[in-house]
C-alpha cells in the first residue's frame, strides 16, 4: 500500500508541476505579447513625432521611395494582372451557372478591386518584399552595432531609419495600388473579351462603385503603407544574435506585417460598412 500511495503521490505532484508549467507558459506568452505590443506602439508614436519634427536629410525619402516603389512595380503588376484574369474567369464561369447575363460582371469586379483586392493584395505582396528588406537591413545594422553607434551619437534610430521608410511607404503604396490596379483592370477586360465576349464599354461599368468604396480603398492604402514599415522596423530593431537573428527578424517581419494587413483590412472594412452602408 505504501508503494502504491507513494506512486500516486508522485503522479499527483508531476501533474501539478506540469499544470503549473503550462499556466506559466501561457502567462509568459501573454506578457511577452503585451510588452511587444507596447513597444510597437511606442515605435509608431515616435515615428509620427519624427515625421513632423524630425531631421530633414535631403534625398533620404526619395531613396526609399525608389527602393520601395520602383523595385516593386513589375512584381506587383504581374501579380495583379494574373489575379485580374483569374477572378474575371472564375466569376464569369460561376455566374453563368446561375444567370446567362454577364453585363454586371465588370461592375462587380471594379467595385471589388477598388475597395478590397487592389489595396489588400498589393499590401500583402509588399509585406513579403518590402517588409523583409526593411527588417533585414535594420537587423544587420543592429548586429553589427551600427544602431548602437547612432545612439552614442545622440541620434534616434527611429528618426534615421524608420521615418524615411514610413513616409516613402505611405506614398508609394498608394501609387503602386493605383498602377497595379489599373493593370488588373486591363487584364480583366481582356479576359472578359476572350472568354465571354464582353465588350470593353460593357465591362467598364462604375455603376456599383461609389464614394464610400473609394474612401475605404484609400484608407486601406494609407493604413497598410504605414503599418508595414513600422512593424518591419520594430522587428529589425529588436534583432538579437548574429546572422541567425537577422533571419528570424526577417521572418517575423513578414509574418507580423501580413497579420497587421489582415487585421487592418477587417477593421477598416467593418467601419466602412457601418458608415457608408
Protein backbone atom coordinates (compact mmCIF):
# COMPACT_ATOMS: atom_id res chain seq x y z
CA UNK A 1 0.00 0.00 0.00
CA UNK A 2 2.77 2.44 0.86
CA UNK A 3 4.44 1.90 -2.50
CA UNK A 4 1.15 2.42 -4.29
CA UNK A 5 0.36 5.58 -2.32
CA UNK A 6 3.87 6.92 -2.94
CA UNK A 7 3.49 6.31 -6.69
CA UNK A 8 0.12 8.03 -6.68
CA UNK A 9 1.65 10.95 -4.76
CA UNK A 10 4.44 11.26 -7.27
CA UNK A 11 1.93 11.22 -10.13
CA UNK A 12 -0.12 13.95 -8.48
CA UNK A 13 2.98 16.08 -7.93
CA UNK A 14 4.06 15.61 -11.55
CA UNK A 15 0.58 16.59 -12.74
CA UNK A 16 0.62 19.71 -10.57
CA UNK A 17 4.09 20.69 -11.79
CA UNK A 18 3.11 20.17 -15.41
CA UNK A 19 -0.11 22.13 -14.91
CA UNK A 20 1.73 25.00 -13.28
CA UNK A 21 4.28 24.98 -16.08
CA UNK A 22 1.51 25.10 -18.68
CA UNK A 23 -0.22 28.06 -17.00
CA UNK A 24 3.12 29.79 -16.52
CA UNK A 25 3.94 29.31 -20.17
CA UNK A 26 0.62 30.83 -21.21
CA UNK A 27 1.09 33.74 -18.83
CA UNK A 28 4.61 34.34 -20.06
CA UNK A 29 3.44 34.28 -23.68
CA UNK A 30 0.68 36.78 -22.83
CA UNK A 31 3.05 39.20 -21.10
CA UNK A 32 5.59 38.87 -23.91
CA UNK A 33 2.86 39.73 -26.39
CA UNK A 34 1.71 42.66 -24.25
CA UNK A 35 5.24 44.04 -23.94
CA UNK A 36 5.79 43.64 -27.68
CA UNK A 37 2.53 45.49 -28.38
CA UNK A 38 3.58 48.36 -26.09
CA UNK A 39 6.99 48.60 -27.73
CA UNK A 40 5.44 48.54 -31.19
CA UNK A 41 3.02 51.28 -30.19
CA UNK A 42 5.94 53.34 -28.87
CA UNK A 43 7.78 52.91 -32.18
CA UNK A 44 4.67 54.03 -34.06
CA UNK A 45 4.19 57.13 -31.88
CA UNK A 46 7.85 58.11 -32.19
CA UNK A 47 7.68 57.62 -35.95
CA UNK A 48 4.73 60.00 -36.16
CA UNK A 49 6.56 62.51 -33.97
CA UNK A 50 9.74 62.45 -36.02
CA UNK A 51 7.74 62.65 -39.24
CA UNK A 52 6.56 66.08 -38.11
CA UNK A 53 9.51 67.34 -36.07
CA UNK A 54 12.43 65.12 -37.02
CA UNK A 55 15.55 65.93 -39.00
CA UNK A 56 15.40 66.63 -42.73
CA UNK A 57 18.04 64.70 -44.64
CA UNK A 58 17.94 65.59 -48.37
CA UNK A 59 17.27 62.59 -50.56
CA UNK A 60 16.53 60.08 -47.77
CA UNK A 61 12.82 59.78 -48.52
CA UNK A 62 13.38 59.84 -52.29
CA UNK A 63 15.88 56.97 -52.00
CA UNK A 64 13.41 54.88 -50.03
CA UNK A 65 10.64 55.71 -52.48
CA UNK A 66 12.79 54.27 -55.25
CA UNK A 67 13.65 51.15 -53.24
CA UNK A 68 10.04 50.55 -52.22
CA UNK A 69 8.26 51.68 -55.36
CA UNK A 70 10.33 51.19 -58.49
CA UNK A 71 11.71 47.81 -57.49
CA UNK A 72 8.24 46.52 -56.57
CA UNK A 73 6.34 47.83 -59.58
CA UNK A 74 6.92 44.96 -62.02
CA UNK A 75 6.33 42.34 -59.34
CA UNK A 76 3.01 43.86 -58.29
CA UNK A 77 1.84 44.42 -61.87
CA UNK A 78 2.47 40.78 -62.74
CA UNK A 79 0.67 39.55 -59.62
CA UNK A 80 -2.31 41.85 -60.06
CA UNK A 81 -2.52 41.14 -63.78
CA UNK A 82 -2.83 37.40 -63.27
CA UNK A 83 -5.18 37.96 -60.33
CA UNK A 84 -7.46 40.08 -62.53
CA UNK A 85 -7.58 37.33 -65.14
CA UNK A 86 -8.26 34.60 -62.58
CA UNK A 87 -11.05 36.48 -60.80
CA UNK A 88 -12.76 37.52 -64.03
CA UNK A 89 -12.60 34.00 -65.43
CA UNK A 90 -13.83 32.26 -62.30
CA UNK A 91 -16.51 34.86 -61.58
CA UNK A 92 -17.82 34.59 -65.13
CA UNK A 93 -17.93 30.80 -65.02
CA UNK A 94 -19.78 30.75 -61.70
CA UNK A 95 -22.21 33.49 -62.78
CA UNK A 96 -23.12 31.65 -65.96
CA UNK A 97 -24.25 28.68 -63.89
CA UNK A 98 -26.94 30.87 -62.31
CA UNK A 99 -27.82 33.52 -64.92
CA UNK A 100 -26.65 33.90 -68.52
CA UNK A 101 -26.37 37.70 -68.26
CA UNK A 102 -22.80 38.91 -67.58
CA UNK A 103 -23.45 42.62 -68.10
CA UNK A 104 -22.64 43.42 -64.44
CA UNK A 105 -19.51 41.28 -64.24
CA UNK A 106 -17.25 44.26 -64.90
CA UNK A 107 -19.11 46.49 -62.45
CA UNK A 108 -18.79 43.89 -59.69
CA UNK A 109 -15.12 43.33 -60.49
CA UNK A 110 -14.33 47.06 -60.38
CA UNK A 111 -16.11 47.51 -57.06
CA UNK A 112 -14.27 44.57 -55.52
CA UNK A 113 -10.97 45.73 -56.99
CA UNK A 114 -11.38 49.27 -55.65
CA UNK A 115 -12.21 48.59 -52.04
CA UNK A 116 -10.67 45.19 -51.41
CA UNK A 117 -8.45 43.40 -53.90
CA UNK A 118 -6.06 46.11 -55.09
CA UNK A 119 -5.15 47.52 -51.62
CA UNK A 120 -5.05 44.22 -49.72
CA UNK A 121 -3.27 42.02 -52.25
CA UNK A 122 -0.69 44.72 -53.01
CA UNK A 123 -0.09 45.22 -49.29
CA UNK A 124 0.44 41.51 -48.70
CA UNK A 125 2.93 41.41 -51.56
CA UNK A 126 4.71 44.47 -50.20
CA UNK A 127 4.83 42.86 -46.75
CA UNK A 128 6.77 39.95 -48.21
CA UNK A 129 9.20 42.04 -50.24
CA UNK A 130 9.49 45.45 -48.58
CA UNK A 131 8.90 44.23 -45.03
CA UNK A 132 11.57 41.55 -45.30
CA UNK A 133 14.02 44.04 -46.79
CA UNK A 134 13.48 46.63 -44.05
CA UNK A 135 13.86 44.07 -41.26
CA UNK A 136 16.98 42.52 -42.81
CA UNK A 137 18.66 45.89 -43.37
CA UNK A 138 17.95 47.28 -39.90
CA UNK A 139 18.62 43.92 -38.25
CA UNK A 140 22.04 43.75 -39.90
CA UNK A 141 22.79 47.23 -38.57
CA UNK A 142 21.78 46.09 -35.08
CA UNK A 143 24.01 43.01 -35.01
CA UNK A 144 26.95 44.97 -36.43
CA UNK A 145 26.45 47.63 -33.72
CA UNK A 146 25.73 50.43 -36.18
CA UNK A 147 22.47 51.21 -34.36
CA UNK A 148 24.41 51.46 -31.08
CA UNK A 149 26.73 53.92 -32.78
CA UNK A 150 23.73 56.04 -33.74
CA UNK A 151 22.53 56.07 -30.13
CA UNK A 152 26.01 57.01 -28.89
CA UNK A 153 25.90 59.94 -31.32
CA UNK A 154 22.63 61.13 -29.69
CA UNK A 155 20.65 60.14 -32.77
CA UNK A 156 17.41 58.19 -32.51
CA UNK A 157 17.40 55.14 -34.85
CA UNK A 158 13.68 55.63 -35.41
CA UNK A 159 14.32 59.09 -36.82
CA UNK A 160 17.20 57.95 -39.02
CA UNK A 161 15.99 54.51 -40.11
CA UNK A 162 12.22 54.10 -39.80
CA UNK A 163 10.86 57.58 -40.53
CA UNK A 164 12.12 57.84 -44.14
CA UNK A 165 10.79 54.36 -44.89
CA UNK A 166 7.49 55.26 -43.21
CA UNK A 167 6.88 58.34 -45.36
CA UNK A 168 8.07 56.65 -48.55
CA UNK A 169 5.93 53.58 -47.91
CA UNK A 170 2.74 55.60 -47.47
CA UNK A 171 3.31 57.49 -50.72
CA UNK A 172 4.46 54.56 -52.82
CA UNK A 173 1.83 52.14 -51.54
CA UNK A 174 -0.87 54.43 -52.87
CA UNK A 175 0.93 54.83 -56.21
CA UNK A 176 1.57 51.10 -56.57
CA UNK A 177 -2.03 50.20 -55.76
CA UNK A 178 -3.33 52.59 -58.42
CA UNK A 179 -0.91 51.41 -61.11
CA UNK A 180 -1.19 47.68 -60.40
CA UNK A 181 -4.96 48.03 -60.02
CA UNK A 182 -5.10 49.55 -63.49
CA UNK A 183 -3.10 46.60 -64.85
CA UNK A 184 -5.52 44.21 -63.15
CA UNK A 185 -8.48 46.03 -64.73
CA UNK A 186 -6.93 45.79 -68.19
CA UNK A 187 -6.27 42.09 -67.65
CA UNK A 188 -9.88 41.61 -66.56
CA UNK A 189 -11.16 43.41 -69.65
CA UNK A 190 -9.06 41.19 -71.91
CA UNK A 191 -10.22 38.03 -70.15
CA UNK A 192 -13.86 39.09 -70.42
CA UNK A 193 -13.49 39.69 -74.15
CA UNK A 194 -11.66 36.44 -74.90
CA UNK A 195 -13.71 34.01 -72.80
CA UNK A 196 -17.15 35.61 -72.56
CA UNK A 197 -17.31 38.10 -75.42
CA UNK A 198 -17.93 41.07 -73.11
CA UNK A 199 -17.30 44.38 -74.85
CA UNK A 200 -14.95 46.89 -73.27
CA UNK A 201 -17.68 49.50 -72.85
CA UNK A 202 -19.85 46.95 -71.08
CA UNK A 203 -17.08 45.75 -68.77
CA UNK A 204 -16.01 49.25 -67.72
CA UNK A 205 -19.04 49.98 -65.59
CA UNK A 206 -18.74 52.10 -62.45
CA UNK A 207 -22.42 51.91 -61.51
CA UNK A 208 -21.72 49.81 -58.39
CA UNK A 209 -18.70 51.86 -57.25
CA UNK A 210 -19.40 54.94 -55.16
CA UNK A 211 -17.51 57.39 -52.98
CA UNK A 212 -17.65 55.07 -49.99
CA UNK A 213 -15.78 52.36 -51.88
CA UNK A 214 -13.10 54.87 -52.90
CA UNK A 215 -12.81 56.15 -49.32
CA UNK A 216 -12.43 52.63 -47.92
CA UNK A 217 -9.83 51.74 -50.53
CA UNK A 218 -7.87 54.95 -49.85
CA UNK A 219 -7.93 54.39 -46.08
CA UNK A 220 -6.63 50.86 -46.58
CA UNK A 221 -3.78 52.10 -48.75
CA UNK A 222 -2.72 54.64 -46.13
CA UNK A 223 -3.08 52.21 -43.22
CA UNK A 224 -1.16 49.42 -44.95
CA UNK A 225 1.55 51.80 -46.10
CA UNK A 226 2.03 52.98 -42.52
CA UNK A 227 1.85 49.57 -40.86
CA UNK A 228 4.38 47.68 -42.97
CA UNK A 229 7.49 49.84 -42.28
CA UNK A 230 6.62 50.33 -38.61
CA UNK A 231 6.12 46.62 -37.92
CA UNK A 232 9.14 45.61 -40.01
CA UNK A 233 11.31 48.32 -38.47
CA UNK A 234 10.31 47.17 -35.00
CA UNK A 235 11.28 43.59 -35.88
CA UNK A 236 14.62 44.85 -37.19
CA UNK A 237 15.38 46.95 -34.11
CA UNK A 238 14.63 44.01 -31.77
CA UNK A 239 17.06 41.71 -33.58
CA UNK A 240 19.49 39.79 -31.37
CA UNK A 241 22.30 37.39 -32.12
CA UNK A 242 24.20 37.12 -35.37
CA UNK A 243 23.09 36.18 -38.86
CA UNK A 244 20.59 33.69 -37.45
CA UNK A 245 18.92 36.53 -35.55
CA UNK A 246 18.65 38.58 -38.74
CA UNK A 247 16.93 35.65 -40.43
CA UNK A 248 14.48 35.31 -37.55
CA UNK A 249 13.79 39.06 -37.63
CA UNK A 250 13.07 38.87 -41.36
CA UNK A 251 10.64 36.01 -40.84
CA UNK A 252 8.90 37.84 -38.00
CA UNK A 253 8.63 40.97 -40.14
CA UNK A 254 6.89 39.13 -42.98
CA UNK A 255 4.52 37.27 -40.66
CA UNK A 256 3.67 40.23 -38.43
CA UNK A 257 3.27 42.67 -41.34
CA UNK A 258 0.94 40.29 -43.15
CA UNK A 259 -1.04 39.77 -39.96
CA UNK A 260 -1.27 43.55 -39.47
CA UNK A 261 -2.59 43.94 -43.02
CA UNK A 262 -5.27 41.30 -42.44
CA UNK A 263 -6.37 42.80 -39.11
CA UNK A 264 -6.48 46.33 -40.54
CA UNK A 265 -8.43 45.02 -43.52
CA UNK A 266 -11.15 43.68 -41.24
CA UNK A 267 -11.29 46.80 -39.06
CA UNK A 268 -11.42 49.29 -41.94
CA UNK A 269 -13.97 47.18 -43.85
CA UNK A 270 -16.19 46.95 -40.76
CA UNK A 271 -16.00 50.70 -40.10
CA UNK A 272 -16.64 51.44 -43.76
CA UNK A 273 -19.68 49.20 -43.74
CA UNK A 274 -21.11 50.94 -40.69
CA UNK A 275 -20.52 54.40 -42.16
CA UNK A 276 -21.38 54.03 -45.83
CA UNK A 277 -23.88 51.18 -45.97
